[in-house]
PDB file of all heavy atoms in Angstrom:
ATOM      1  N   SER A   1     138.029 244.241 -67.042  1.00  0.00           N
ATOM      2  CA  SER A   1     137.797 242.882 -67.552  1.00  0.00           C
ATOM      3  C   SER A   1     138.644 241.939 -66.689  1.00  0.00           C
ATOM      4  O   SER A   1     138.245 240.762 -66.375  1.00  0.00           O
ATOM      5  CB  SER A   1     138.329 242.883 -69.038  1.00  0.00           C
ATOM      6  OG  SER A   1     139.675 243.123 -69.066  1.00  0.00           O
ATOM      7  N   THR A   2     139.839 242.279 -66.239  1.00  0.00           N
ATOM      8  CA  THR A   2     140.602 241.411 -65.305  1.00  0.00           C
ATOM      9  C   THR A   2     139.952 241.081 -63.973  1.00  0.00           C
ATOM     10  O   THR A   2     139.861 240.034 -63.556  1.00  0.00           O
ATOM     11  CB  THR A   2     142.075 241.959 -65.142  1.00  0.00           C
ATOM     12  OG1 THR A   2     142.661 242.204 -66.408  1.00  0.00           O
ATOM     13  CG2 THR A   2     142.929 241.085 -64.326  1.00  0.00           C
ATOM     14  N   LEU A   3     139.474 242.240 -63.358  1.00  0.00           N
ATOM     15  CA  LEU A   3     138.846 242.063 -62.076  1.00  0.00           C
ATOM     16  C   LEU A   3     137.570 241.266 -62.166  1.00  0.00           C
ATOM     17  O   LEU A   3     137.368 240.313 -61.311  1.00  0.00           O
ATOM     18  CB  LEU A   3     138.616 243.425 -61.399  1.00  0.00           C
ATOM     19  CG  LEU A   3     139.804 244.253 -60.998  1.00  0.00           C
ATOM     20  CD1 LEU A   3     139.349 245.650 -60.596  1.00  0.00           C
ATOM     21  CD2 LEU A   3     140.591 243.486 -59.884  1.00  0.00           C
ATOM     22  N   THR A   4     136.766 241.539 -63.115  1.00  0.00           N
ATOM     23  CA  THR A   4     135.459 240.757 -63.179  1.00  0.00           C
ATOM     24  C   THR A   4     135.642 239.394 -63.665  1.00  0.00           C
ATOM     25  O   THR A   4     134.647 238.579 -63.585  1.00  0.00           O
ATOM     26  CB  THR A   4     134.480 241.600 -64.036  1.00  0.00           C
ATOM     27  OG1 THR A   4     135.070 241.826 -65.397  1.00  0.00           O
ATOM     28  CG2 THR A   4     134.084 242.955 -63.421  1.00  0.00           C
ATOM     29  N   SER A   5     136.847 239.085 -64.180  1.00  0.00           N
ATOM     30  CA  SER A   5     137.069 237.603 -64.503  1.00  0.00           C
ATOM     31  C   SER A   5     137.408 236.865 -63.269  1.00  0.00           C
ATOM     32  O   SER A   5     137.392 235.606 -63.346  1.00  0.00           O
ATOM     33  CB  SER A   5     138.161 237.514 -65.564  1.00  0.00           C
ATOM     34  OG  SER A   5     139.444 237.782 -64.951  1.00  0.00           O
ATOM     35  N   MET A   6     137.632 237.504 -62.153  1.00  0.00           N
ATOM     36  CA  MET A   6     138.066 236.796 -60.953  1.00  0.00           C
ATOM     37  C   MET A   6     136.971 236.915 -59.891  1.00  0.00           C
ATOM     38  O   MET A   6     136.842 236.030 -59.052  1.00  0.00           O
ATOM     39  CB  MET A   6     139.353 237.489 -60.357  1.00  0.00           C
ATOM     40  CG  MET A   6     140.531 237.379 -61.328  1.00  0.00           C
ATOM     41  SD  MET A   6     141.920 238.297 -60.634  1.00  0.00           S
ATOM     42  CE  MET A   6     143.117 238.214 -61.994  1.00  0.00           C
ATOM     43  N   VAL A   7     136.294 238.015 -59.810  1.00  0.00           N
ATOM     44  CA  VAL A   7     135.201 238.132 -58.762  1.00  0.00           C
ATOM     45  C   VAL A   7     133.981 238.790 -59.389  1.00  0.00           C
ATOM     46  O   VAL A   7     134.023 239.412 -60.501  1.00  0.00           O
ATOM     47  CB  VAL A   7     135.658 239.110 -57.657  1.00  0.00           C
ATOM     48  CG1 VAL A   7     136.896 238.419 -56.927  1.00  0.00           C
ATOM     49  CG2 VAL A   7     136.094 240.441 -58.179  1.00  0.00           C
ATOM     50  N   PRO A   8     132.833 238.686 -58.759  1.00  0.00           N
ATOM     51  CA  PRO A   8     131.586 239.343 -59.284  1.00  0.00           C
ATOM     52  C   PRO A   8     131.642 240.862 -59.375  1.00  0.00           C
ATOM     53  O   PRO A   8     132.299 241.505 -58.555  1.00  0.00           O
ATOM     54  CB  PRO A   8     130.432 238.952 -58.328  1.00  0.00           C
ATOM     55  CG  PRO A   8     131.032 237.697 -57.721  1.00  0.00           C
ATOM     56  CD  PRO A   8     132.522 237.888 -57.569  1.00  0.00           C
ATOM     57  N   ARG A   9     131.077 241.397 -60.326  1.00  0.00           N
ATOM     58  CA  ARG A   9     131.143 242.881 -60.567  1.00  0.00           C
ATOM     59  C   ARG A   9     130.637 243.654 -59.338  1.00  0.00           C
ATOM     60  O   ARG A   9     131.171 244.680 -58.838  1.00  0.00           O
ATOM     61  CB  ARG A   9     130.296 243.323 -61.834  1.00  0.00           C
ATOM     62  CG  ARG A   9     130.022 244.760 -61.919  1.00  0.00           C
ATOM     63  CD  ARG A   9     131.235 245.653 -62.126  1.00  0.00           C
ATOM     64  NE  ARG A   9     130.864 247.003 -62.195  1.00  0.00           N
ATOM     65  CZ  ARG A   9     130.940 247.906 -61.138  1.00  0.00           C
ATOM     66  NH1 ARG A   9     131.185 247.445 -60.018  1.00  0.00           N
ATOM     67  NH2 ARG A   9     130.680 249.098 -61.334  1.00  0.00           N
ATOM     68  N   ASP A  10     129.532 243.147 -58.743  1.00  0.00           N
ATOM     69  CA  ASP A  10     128.867 243.865 -57.619  1.00  0.00           C
ATOM     70  C   ASP A  10     129.739 243.866 -56.407  1.00  0.00           C
ATOM     71  O   ASP A  10     129.433 244.601 -55.426  1.00  0.00           O
ATOM     72  CB  ASP A  10     127.531 243.303 -57.348  1.00  0.00           C
ATOM     73  CG  ASP A  10     126.482 243.663 -58.439  1.00  0.00           C
ATOM     74  OD1 ASP A  10     126.846 244.580 -59.207  1.00  0.00           O
ATOM     75  OD2 ASP A  10     125.473 243.072 -58.464  1.00  0.00           O
ATOM     76  N   SER A  11     130.853 243.017 -56.293  1.00  0.00           N
ATOM     77  CA  SER A  11     131.657 242.960 -55.171  1.00  0.00           C
ATOM     78  C   SER A  11     132.766 244.025 -55.218  1.00  0.00           C
ATOM     79  O   SER A  11     133.486 244.240 -54.263  1.00  0.00           O
ATOM     80  CB  SER A  11     132.295 241.633 -54.945  1.00  0.00           C
ATOM     81  OG  SER A  11     133.196 241.383 -56.001  1.00  0.00           O
ATOM     82  N   LEU A  12     132.795 244.758 -56.345  1.00  0.00           N
ATOM     83  CA  LEU A  12     133.821 245.741 -56.627  1.00  0.00           C
ATOM     84  C   LEU A  12     133.240 247.189 -56.480  1.00  0.00           C
ATOM     85  O   LEU A  12     132.061 247.387 -56.763  1.00  0.00           O
ATOM     86  CB  LEU A  12     134.474 245.539 -58.024  1.00  0.00           C
ATOM     87  CG  LEU A  12     135.065 244.230 -58.242  1.00  0.00           C
ATOM     88  CD1 LEU A  12     135.306 244.074 -59.769  1.00  0.00           C
ATOM     89  CD2 LEU A  12     136.382 244.046 -57.432  1.00  0.00           C
ATOM     90  N   VAL A  13     134.138 248.101 -56.107  1.00  0.00           N
ATOM     91  CA  VAL A  13     133.779 249.542 -56.239  1.00  0.00           C
ATOM     92  C   VAL A  13     134.756 250.107 -57.274  1.00  0.00           C
ATOM     93  O   VAL A  13     135.922 250.242 -57.002  1.00  0.00           O
ATOM     94  CB  VAL A  13     133.846 250.291 -54.876  1.00  0.00           C
ATOM     95  CG1 VAL A  13     133.614 251.741 -55.038  1.00  0.00           C
ATOM     96  CG2 VAL A  13     132.928 249.713 -53.851  1.00  0.00           C
ATOM     97  N   LEU A  14     134.222 250.455 -58.484  1.00  0.00           N
ATOM     98  CA  LEU A  14     135.060 250.972 -59.625  1.00  0.00           C
ATOM     99  C   LEU A  14     134.839 252.361 -59.757  1.00  0.00           C
ATOM    100  O   LEU A  14     133.686 252.803 -60.000  1.00  0.00           O
ATOM    101  CB  LEU A  14     134.743 250.112 -60.821  1.00  0.00           C
ATOM    102  CG  LEU A  14     135.001 248.644 -60.788  1.00  0.00           C
ATOM    103  CD1 LEU A  14     134.587 248.049 -62.179  1.00  0.00           C
ATOM    104  CD2 LEU A  14     136.396 248.230 -60.458  1.00  0.00           C
ATOM    105  N   ALA A  15     135.947 253.152 -59.729  1.00  0.00           N
ATOM    106  CA  ALA A  15     135.896 254.591 -59.925  1.00  0.00           C
ATOM    107  C   ALA A  15     136.595 254.960 -61.288  1.00  0.00           C
ATOM    108  O   ALA A  15     137.679 254.317 -61.560  1.00  0.00           O
ATOM    109  CB  ALA A  15     136.511 255.339 -58.771  1.00  0.00           C
ATOM    110  N   THR A  16     136.122 255.759 -62.065  1.00  0.00           N
ATOM    111  CA  THR A  16     136.783 256.292 -63.174  1.00  0.00           C
ATOM    112  C   THR A  16     136.636 257.854 -63.214  1.00  0.00           C
ATOM    113  O   THR A  16     135.790 258.386 -62.610  1.00  0.00           O
ATOM    114  CB  THR A  16     136.366 255.560 -64.507  1.00  0.00           C
ATOM    115  OG1 THR A  16     137.389 255.924 -65.552  1.00  0.00           O
ATOM    116  CG2 THR A  16     135.004 255.994 -64.980  1.00  0.00           C
ATOM    117  N   LYS A  17     137.339 258.487 -64.167  1.00  0.00           N
ATOM    118  CA  LYS A  17     137.290 259.881 -64.281  1.00  0.00           C
ATOM    119  C   LYS A  17     137.089 260.340 -65.716  1.00  0.00           C
ATOM    120  O   LYS A  17     137.354 259.637 -66.688  1.00  0.00           O
ATOM    121  CB  LYS A  17     138.672 260.457 -63.748  1.00  0.00           C
ATOM    122  CG  LYS A  17     139.058 259.942 -62.392  1.00  0.00           C
ATOM    123  CD  LYS A  17     140.373 260.580 -61.941  1.00  0.00           C
ATOM    124  CE  LYS A  17     141.028 259.766 -60.809  1.00  0.00           C
ATOM    125  NZ  LYS A  17     141.705 258.583 -61.242  1.00  0.00           N
ATOM    126  N   ALA A  18     136.699 261.714 -65.854  1.00  0.00           N
ATOM    127  CA  ALA A  18     136.675 262.244 -67.135  1.00  0.00           C
ATOM    128  C   ALA A  18     136.999 263.691 -66.955  1.00  0.00           C
ATOM    129  O   ALA A  18     136.774 264.336 -65.953  1.00  0.00           O
ATOM    130  CB  ALA A  18     135.168 262.208 -67.618  1.00  0.00           C
ATOM    131  N   PHE A  19     137.627 264.265 -67.949  1.00  0.00           N
ATOM    132  CA  PHE A  19     137.989 265.686 -68.172  1.00  0.00           C
ATOM    133  C   PHE A  19     139.003 265.870 -69.283  1.00  0.00           C
ATOM    134  O   PHE A  19     138.825 266.577 -70.197  1.00  0.00           O
ATOM    135  CB  PHE A  19     138.520 266.264 -66.895  1.00  0.00           C
ATOM    136  CG  PHE A  19     139.093 267.661 -67.102  1.00  0.00           C
ATOM    137  CD1 PHE A  19     138.311 268.775 -67.244  1.00  0.00           C
ATOM    138  CD2 PHE A  19     140.503 267.916 -67.228  1.00  0.00           C
ATOM    139  CE1 PHE A  19     138.812 270.051 -67.466  1.00  0.00           C
ATOM    140  CE2 PHE A  19     141.069 269.212 -67.509  1.00  0.00           C
ATOM    141  CZ  PHE A  19     140.155 270.262 -67.574  1.00  0.00           C
ATOM    142  N   TYR A  20     140.165 265.185 -69.194  1.00  0.00           N
ATOM    143  CA  TYR A  20     141.245 265.414 -70.091  1.00  0.00           C
ATOM    144  C   TYR A  20     140.896 264.916 -71.530  1.00  0.00           C
ATOM    145  O   TYR A  20     140.047 264.066 -71.716  1.00  0.00           O
ATOM    146  CB  TYR A  20     142.492 264.699 -69.597  1.00  0.00           C
ATOM    147  CG  TYR A  20     143.097 265.376 -68.340  1.00  0.00           C
ATOM    148  CD1 TYR A  20     143.243 264.651 -67.153  1.00  0.00           C
ATOM    149  CD2 TYR A  20     143.357 266.686 -68.322  1.00  0.00           C
ATOM    150  CE1 TYR A  20     143.730 265.293 -66.045  1.00  0.00           C
ATOM    151  CE2 TYR A  20     143.937 267.287 -67.286  1.00  0.00           C
ATOM    152  CZ  TYR A  20     144.077 266.585 -66.057  1.00  0.00           C
ATOM    153  OH  TYR A  20     144.529 267.228 -64.976  1.00  0.00           O
ATOM    154  N   ALA A  21     141.678 265.500 -72.479  1.00  0.00           N
ATOM    155  CA  ALA A  21     141.398 265.222 -73.868  1.00  0.00           C
ATOM    156  C   ALA A  21     141.590 263.776 -74.291  1.00  0.00           C
ATOM    157  O   ALA A  21     142.633 263.190 -73.896  1.00  0.00           O
ATOM    158  CB  ALA A  21     142.311 266.148 -74.803  1.00  0.00           C
ATOM    159  N   MET A  22     140.735 263.250 -74.966  1.00  0.00           N
ATOM    160  CA  MET A  22     140.775 261.881 -75.432  1.00  0.00           C
ATOM    161  C   MET A  22     141.072 261.757 -76.930  1.00  0.00           C
ATOM    162  O   MET A  22     141.311 260.776 -77.462  1.00  0.00           O
ATOM    163  CB  MET A  22     139.428 261.106 -75.183  1.00  0.00           C
ATOM    164  CG  MET A  22     139.217 260.932 -73.642  1.00  0.00           C
ATOM    165  SD  MET A  22     140.427 259.866 -72.831  1.00  0.00           S
ATOM    166  CE  MET A  22     139.815 258.255 -73.408  1.00  0.00           C
ATOM    167  N   SER A  23     141.059 262.964 -77.547  1.00  0.00           N
ATOM    168  CA  SER A  23     141.424 263.022 -79.021  1.00  0.00           C
ATOM    169  C   SER A  23     141.643 264.443 -79.334  1.00  0.00           C
ATOM    170  O   SER A  23     141.648 265.286 -78.443  1.00  0.00           O
ATOM    171  CB  SER A  23     140.217 262.446 -79.877  1.00  0.00           C
ATOM    172  OG  SER A  23     139.108 263.288 -79.876  1.00  0.00           O
ATOM    173  N   GLY A  24     141.837 264.726 -80.655  1.00  0.00           N
ATOM    174  CA  GLY A  24     142.053 266.058 -80.994  1.00  0.00           C
ATOM    175  C   GLY A  24     140.757 266.869 -81.193  1.00  0.00           C
ATOM    176  O   GLY A  24     140.775 268.069 -81.468  1.00  0.00           O
ATOM    177  N   ASP A  25     139.648 266.262 -81.052  1.00  0.00           N
ATOM    178  CA  ASP A  25     138.264 266.944 -81.181  1.00  0.00           C
ATOM    179  C   ASP A  25     138.166 267.882 -79.983  1.00  0.00           C
ATOM    180  O   ASP A  25     138.226 267.544 -78.858  1.00  0.00           O
ATOM    181  CB  ASP A  25     137.186 265.821 -81.151  1.00  0.00           C
ATOM    182  CG  ASP A  25     135.860 266.424 -81.270  1.00  0.00           C
ATOM    183  OD1 ASP A  25     135.602 267.687 -81.144  1.00  0.00           O
ATOM    184  OD2 ASP A  25     134.890 265.687 -81.622  1.00  0.00           O
ATOM    185  N   PRO A  26     137.822 269.174 -80.287  1.00  0.00           N
ATOM    186  CA  PRO A  26     137.757 270.200 -79.198  1.00  0.00           C
ATOM    187  C   PRO A  26     136.612 269.815 -78.269  1.00  0.00           C
ATOM    188  O   PRO A  26     136.631 270.382 -77.062  1.00  0.00           O
ATOM    189  CB  PRO A  26     137.518 271.483 -80.002  1.00  0.00           C
ATOM    190  CG  PRO A  26     137.041 271.075 -81.301  1.00  0.00           C
ATOM    191  CD  PRO A  26     137.712 269.831 -81.650  1.00  0.00           C
ATOM    192  N   ASN A  27     135.713 269.022 -78.650  1.00  0.00           N
ATOM    193  CA  ASN A  27     134.541 268.669 -77.741  1.00  0.00           C
ATOM    194  C   ASN A  27     134.815 267.401 -77.060  1.00  0.00           C
ATOM    195  O   ASN A  27     133.917 266.936 -76.155  1.00  0.00           O
ATOM    196  CB  ASN A  27     133.190 268.530 -78.541  1.00  0.00           C
ATOM    197  CG  ASN A  27     132.535 269.848 -78.931  1.00  0.00           C
ATOM    198  OD1 ASN A  27     132.595 270.736 -78.029  1.00  0.00           O
ATOM    199  ND2 ASN A  27     132.206 270.011 -80.166  1.00  0.00           N
ATOM    200  N   ASP A  28     135.988 266.805 -77.236  1.00  0.00           N
ATOM    201  CA  ASP A  28     136.331 265.532 -76.557  1.00  0.00           C
ATOM    202  C   ASP A  28     137.179 265.769 -75.340  1.00  0.00           C
ATOM    203  O   ASP A  28     138.218 265.102 -75.179  1.00  0.00           O
ATOM    204  CB  ASP A  28     136.962 264.653 -77.566  1.00  0.00           C
ATOM    205  CG  ASP A  28     136.975 263.119 -77.152  1.00  0.00           C
ATOM    206  OD1 ASP A  28     136.192 262.862 -76.187  1.00  0.00           O
ATOM    207  OD2 ASP A  28     137.693 262.290 -77.778  1.00  0.00           O
ATOM    208  N   ARG A  29     136.880 266.772 -74.633  1.00  0.00           N
ATOM    209  CA  ARG A  29     137.540 267.144 -73.398  1.00  0.00           C
ATOM    210  C   ARG A  29     136.765 268.034 -72.517  1.00  0.00           C
ATOM    211  O   ARG A  29     135.714 268.554 -72.992  1.00  0.00           O
ATOM    212  CB  ARG A  29     138.821 267.848 -73.777  1.00  0.00           C
ATOM    213  CG  ARG A  29     138.618 269.230 -74.463  1.00  0.00           C
ATOM    214  CD  ARG A  29     139.903 269.729 -75.016  1.00  0.00           C
ATOM    215  NE  ARG A  29     140.217 268.899 -76.347  1.00  0.00           N
ATOM    216  CZ  ARG A  29     141.375 268.994 -76.910  1.00  0.00           C
ATOM    217  NH1 ARG A  29     142.314 269.767 -76.469  1.00  0.00           N
ATOM    218  NH2 ARG A  29     141.656 268.206 -77.954  1.00  0.00           N
ATOM    219  N   GLY A  30     137.145 268.327 -71.300  1.00  0.00           N
ATOM    220  CA  GLY A  30     136.518 269.317 -70.447  1.00  0.00           C
ATOM    221  C   GLY A  30     135.188 268.666 -69.781  1.00  0.00           C
ATOM    222  O   GLY A  30     135.068 267.432 -69.692  1.00  0.00           O
ATOM    223  N   LEU A  31     134.396 269.507 -69.158  1.00  0.00           N
ATOM    224  CA  LEU A  31     133.237 269.157 -68.403  1.00  0.00           C
ATOM    225  C   LEU A  31     131.940 269.665 -68.980  1.00  0.00           C
ATOM    226  O   LEU A  31     130.956 269.860 -68.280  1.00  0.00           O
ATOM    227  CB  LEU A  31     133.357 269.682 -66.939  1.00  0.00           C
ATOM    228  CG  LEU A  31     134.650 269.211 -66.129  1.00  0.00           C
ATOM    229  CD1 LEU A  31     134.619 269.757 -64.787  1.00  0.00           C
ATOM    230  CD2 LEU A  31     134.642 267.611 -66.080  1.00  0.00           C
ATOM    231  N   SER A  32     131.955 269.778 -70.321  1.00  0.00           N
ATOM    232  CA  SER A  32     130.588 270.092 -70.958  1.00  0.00           C
ATOM    233  C   SER A  32     129.682 268.916 -70.822  1.00  0.00           C
ATOM    234  O   SER A  32     130.072 267.757 -70.623  1.00  0.00           O
ATOM    235  CB  SER A  32     130.903 270.378 -72.442  1.00  0.00           C
ATOM    236  OG  SER A  32     131.321 269.239 -73.083  1.00  0.00           O
ATOM    237  N   ARG A  33     128.394 269.171 -71.097  1.00  0.00           N
ATOM    238  CA  ARG A  33     127.452 268.163 -71.024  1.00  0.00           C
ATOM    239  C   ARG A  33     127.764 267.145 -72.152  1.00  0.00           C
ATOM    240  O   ARG A  33     127.710 265.961 -71.957  1.00  0.00           O
ATOM    241  CB  ARG A  33     125.954 268.735 -71.320  1.00  0.00           C
ATOM    242  CG  ARG A  33     124.926 267.675 -71.246  1.00  0.00           C
ATOM    243  CD  ARG A  33     123.493 268.356 -71.421  1.00  0.00           C
ATOM    244  NE  ARG A  33     122.495 267.314 -71.302  1.00  0.00           N
ATOM    245  CZ  ARG A  33     121.894 266.960 -70.174  1.00  0.00           C
ATOM    246  NH1 ARG A  33     122.370 267.540 -69.002  1.00  0.00           N
ATOM    247  NH2 ARG A  33     121.032 265.965 -70.090  1.00  0.00           N
ATOM    248  N   LYS A  34     128.056 267.607 -73.261  1.00  0.00           N
ATOM    249  CA  LYS A  34     128.410 266.714 -74.457  1.00  0.00           C
ATOM    250  C   LYS A  34     129.493 265.810 -74.059  1.00  0.00           C
ATOM    251  O   LYS A  34     129.387 264.538 -74.392  1.00  0.00           O
ATOM    252  CB  LYS A  34     128.754 267.532 -75.653  1.00  0.00           C
ATOM    253  CG  LYS A  34     129.131 266.730 -76.929  1.00  0.00           C
ATOM    254  CD  LYS A  34     129.444 267.624 -78.144  1.00  0.00           C
ATOM    255  CE  LYS A  34     129.835 266.839 -79.325  1.00  0.00           C
ATOM    256  NZ  LYS A  34     128.803 265.916 -79.780  1.00  0.00           N
ATOM    257  N   HIS A  35     130.541 266.327 -73.502  1.00  0.00           N
ATOM    258  CA  HIS A  35     131.741 265.417 -73.243  1.00  0.00           C
ATOM    259  C   HIS A  35     131.465 264.502 -72.139  1.00  0.00           C
ATOM    260  O   HIS A  35     131.795 263.365 -72.175  1.00  0.00           O
ATOM    261  CB  HIS A  35     132.973 266.353 -72.988  1.00  0.00           C
ATOM    262  CG  HIS A  35     134.260 265.479 -72.773  1.00  0.00           C
ATOM    263  ND1 HIS A  35     134.977 265.522 -71.612  1.00  0.00           N
ATOM    264  CD2 HIS A  35     134.790 264.515 -73.552  1.00  0.00           C
ATOM    265  CE1 HIS A  35     136.001 264.679 -71.730  1.00  0.00           C
ATOM    266  NE2 HIS A  35     135.887 264.129 -72.858  1.00  0.00           N
ATOM    267  N   LEU A  36     130.803 264.948 -71.118  1.00  0.00           N
ATOM    268  CA  LEU A  36     130.570 264.050 -69.912  1.00  0.00           C
ATOM    269  C   LEU A  36     129.642 262.852 -70.330  1.00  0.00           C
ATOM    270  O   LEU A  36     129.951 261.735 -69.949  1.00  0.00           O
ATOM    271  CB  LEU A  36     129.959 264.882 -68.760  1.00  0.00           C
ATOM    272  CG  LEU A  36     130.918 265.830 -68.055  1.00  0.00           C
ATOM    273  CD1 LEU A  36     130.111 266.616 -67.019  1.00  0.00           C
ATOM    274  CD2 LEU A  36     131.899 265.008 -67.266  1.00  0.00           C
ATOM    275  N   LEU A  37     128.587 263.147 -70.967  1.00  0.00           N
ATOM    276  CA  LEU A  37     127.711 262.134 -71.360  1.00  0.00           C
ATOM    277  C   LEU A  37     128.364 261.128 -72.316  1.00  0.00           C
ATOM    278  O   LEU A  37     128.229 259.841 -72.231  1.00  0.00           O
ATOM    279  CB  LEU A  37     126.435 262.599 -72.021  1.00  0.00           C
ATOM    280  CG  LEU A  37     125.311 262.943 -71.087  1.00  0.00           C
ATOM    281  CD1 LEU A  37     125.701 263.980 -69.985  1.00  0.00           C
ATOM    282  CD2 LEU A  37     124.064 263.379 -71.747  1.00  0.00           C
ATOM    283  N   ALA A  38     129.132 261.580 -73.263  1.00  0.00           N
ATOM    284  CA  ALA A  38     129.807 260.681 -74.245  1.00  0.00           C
ATOM    285  C   ALA A  38     130.915 259.923 -73.563  1.00  0.00           C
ATOM    286  O   ALA A  38     131.178 258.771 -73.736  1.00  0.00           O
ATOM    287  CB  ALA A  38     130.421 261.594 -75.386  1.00  0.00           C
ATOM    288  N   SER A  39     131.623 260.575 -72.604  1.00  0.00           N
ATOM    289  CA  SER A  39     132.710 259.968 -71.870  1.00  0.00           C
ATOM    290  C   SER A  39     132.174 258.720 -71.031  1.00  0.00           C
ATOM    291  O   SER A  39     132.885 257.671 -70.989  1.00  0.00           O
ATOM    292  CB  SER A  39     133.420 260.938 -70.916  1.00  0.00           C
ATOM    293  OG  SER A  39     134.109 261.894 -71.666  1.00  0.00           O
TER     294      SER A  39
END
């Protein structure tokens, strides 16, 4: 939100990651299809 308030989104290369637990749900972690798509 901060970056795109200053420059156009397409001028940025934004990387993010998934794997680590985001809650206590056993399916809310790891590299399963369920977790990756939801993440």
